[in-house]
Amino acid sequence: MKVELTRFRVKEGKSERVDEWLKFLNENMIDVLITLGAEKMYVETIFREHLNGYEFLYWYSVQGQGGREVQESDHWIDKKHIEYWKECIDETFRPVDLKTEVVMIPENIRQNMK
């Protein structure tokens, strides 16, 4: 099982497009959730922050081993998600992976996350 929290910087001037992106994901949640199975993604949450004049998106995820990468998906929702990503995420900024210190998931739930 992989538990991650990563910070990505949004390109300047793309805040409104990020608004659209997050709204798109929320409005299409049924299809979003369908795609998570192939990724063995059990939890995926996006947080947003404005800090020191920059905007950041944080991805928190709990993923099982051997899941498919989102880039390998043929599902229309993933293709649109990647399109937003390429438009909005600043690839010149090195993503920051926060260090996992404690994972609190009860064993009965962990057993279902394989």
Protein backbone atom coordinates (compact mmCIF):
# COMPACT_ATOMS: atom_id res chain seq x y z
CA MET A 1 0.00 0.00 0.00
CA LYS A 2 1.26 3.45 -0.92
CA VAL A 3 0.15 6.56 1.01
CA GLU A 4 1.20 9.88 -0.51
CA LEU A 5 0.69 13.61 -0.16
CA THR A 6 2.28 15.68 -2.94
CA ARG A 7 2.22 19.42 -3.60
CA PHE A 8 2.07 20.76 -7.16
CA ARG A 9 2.21 24.42 -8.17
CA VAL A 10 -0.46 25.86 -10.44
CA LYS A 11 0.68 27.92 -13.42
CA GLU A 12 0.14 31.65 -13.02
CA GLY A 13 -3.16 32.82 -14.46
CA LYS A 14 -4.76 29.36 -14.34
CA SER A 15 -6.87 29.71 -11.17
CA GLU A 16 -10.14 29.97 -13.08
CA ARG A 17 -9.22 26.93 -15.15
CA VAL A 18 -8.45 25.04 -11.92
CA ASP A 19 -11.93 26.06 -10.70
CA GLU A 20 -13.35 24.44 -13.86
CA TRP A 21 -11.16 21.34 -13.41
CA LEU A 22 -12.22 20.71 -9.83
CA LYS A 23 -15.87 21.40 -10.69
CA PHE A 24 -15.56 18.96 -13.60
CA LEU A 25 -14.25 16.23 -11.28
CA ASN A 26 -16.97 16.86 -8.70
CA GLU A 27 -19.74 16.93 -11.31
CA ASN A 28 -18.54 13.68 -12.90
CA MET A 29 -17.80 11.79 -9.70
CA ILE A 30 -19.56 8.59 -10.82
CA ASP A 31 -17.17 8.25 -13.76
CA VAL A 32 -14.21 9.39 -11.67
CA LEU A 33 -14.87 6.63 -9.14
CA ILE A 34 -15.16 4.02 -11.90
CA THR A 35 -11.60 4.77 -13.04
CA LEU A 36 -10.11 4.43 -9.55
CA GLY A 37 -10.62 0.66 -9.49
CA ALA A 38 -8.10 -0.06 -12.25
CA GLU A 39 -5.62 2.23 -10.50
CA LYS A 40 -6.16 0.40 -7.20
CA MET A 41 -6.75 3.88 -5.83
CA TYR A 42 -8.67 3.56 -2.58
CA VAL A 43 -8.60 7.22 -1.56
CA GLU A 44 -7.73 10.25 -3.66
CA THR A 45 -8.30 13.76 -2.38
CA ILE A 46 -7.27 17.10 -3.86
CA PHE A 47 -6.57 20.08 -1.60
CA ARG A 48 -5.99 23.67 -2.69
CA GLU A 49 -3.85 26.37 -1.09
CA HIS A 50 -2.68 29.90 -1.82
CA LEU A 51 0.72 30.55 -0.22
CA ASN A 52 3.24 33.37 -0.69
CA GLY A 53 1.64 34.53 -3.92
CA TYR A 54 1.41 31.07 -5.47
CA GLU A 55 -1.41 28.59 -5.81
CA PHE A 56 -0.86 24.91 -5.03
CA LEU A 57 -2.82 21.72 -5.40
CA TYR A 58 -2.09 18.83 -3.06
CA TRP A 59 -2.90 15.23 -3.92
CA TYR A 60 -3.46 12.85 -1.02
CA SER A 61 -3.83 9.21 -2.00
CA VAL A 62 -3.97 5.70 -0.64
CA GLN A 63 -3.20 3.21 -3.37
CA GLY A 64 -2.74 -0.53 -3.55
CA GLN A 65 0.15 -2.23 -5.33
CA GLY A 66 0.07 -2.90 -9.06
CA GLY A 67 -2.53 -0.36 -10.11
CA ARG A 68 -2.61 1.13 -13.59
CA GLU A 69 -1.24 4.64 -14.06
CA VAL A 70 -3.84 7.27 -14.97
CA GLN A 71 -1.85 8.03 -18.15
CA GLU A 72 -2.51 4.45 -19.33
CA SER A 73 -6.27 4.85 -19.12
CA ASP A 74 -8.50 5.08 -22.18
CA HIS A 75 -11.46 6.36 -20.15
CA TRP A 76 -12.74 9.76 -21.29
CA ILE A 77 -12.70 11.16 -17.74
CA ASP A 78 -8.99 10.39 -17.33
CA LYS A 79 -8.17 11.90 -20.72
CA LYS A 80 -9.94 15.14 -19.74
CA HIS A 81 -8.27 15.09 -16.31
CA ILE A 82 -4.83 14.83 -17.95
CA GLU A 83 -5.75 17.63 -20.35
CA TYR A 84 -6.53 19.92 -17.39
CA TRP A 85 -3.32 18.76 -15.65
CA LYS A 86 -1.13 19.70 -18.63
CA GLU A 87 -2.80 23.09 -18.90
CA CYS A 88 -2.77 23.98 -15.19
CA ILE A 89 0.16 22.32 -13.41
CA ASP A 90 3.52 24.10 -13.53
CA GLU A 91 5.98 21.43 -14.68
CA THR A 92 8.93 23.77 -13.97
CA PHE A 93 8.17 23.47 -10.24
CA ARG A 94 9.51 20.30 -8.66
CA PRO A 95 6.60 18.57 -6.87
CA VAL A 96 7.05 18.22 -3.13
CA ASP A 97 6.35 14.79 -1.65
CA LEU A 98 5.59 15.18 2.02
CA LYS A 99 7.07 12.46 4.22
CA THR A 100 4.64 9.87 5.52
CA GLU A 101 5.21 9.41 9.25
CA VAL A 102 2.14 7.55 10.53
CA VAL A 103 -0.56 5.63 8.65
CA MET A 104 -3.69 5.00 10.69
CA ILE A 105 -5.85 2.53 8.81
CA PRO A 106 -7.50 -0.24 10.84
CA GLU A 107 -6.44 -3.75 9.88
CA ASN A 108 -9.92 -4.81 8.78
CA ILE A 109 -9.90 -1.99 6.22
CA ARG A 110 -6.28 -2.69 5.16
CA GLN A 111 -7.29 -6.26 4.32
CA ASN A 112 -9.66 -4.88 1.68
CA MET A 113 -6.94 -2.68 0.18
CA LYS A 114 -4.92 -5.32 -1.65
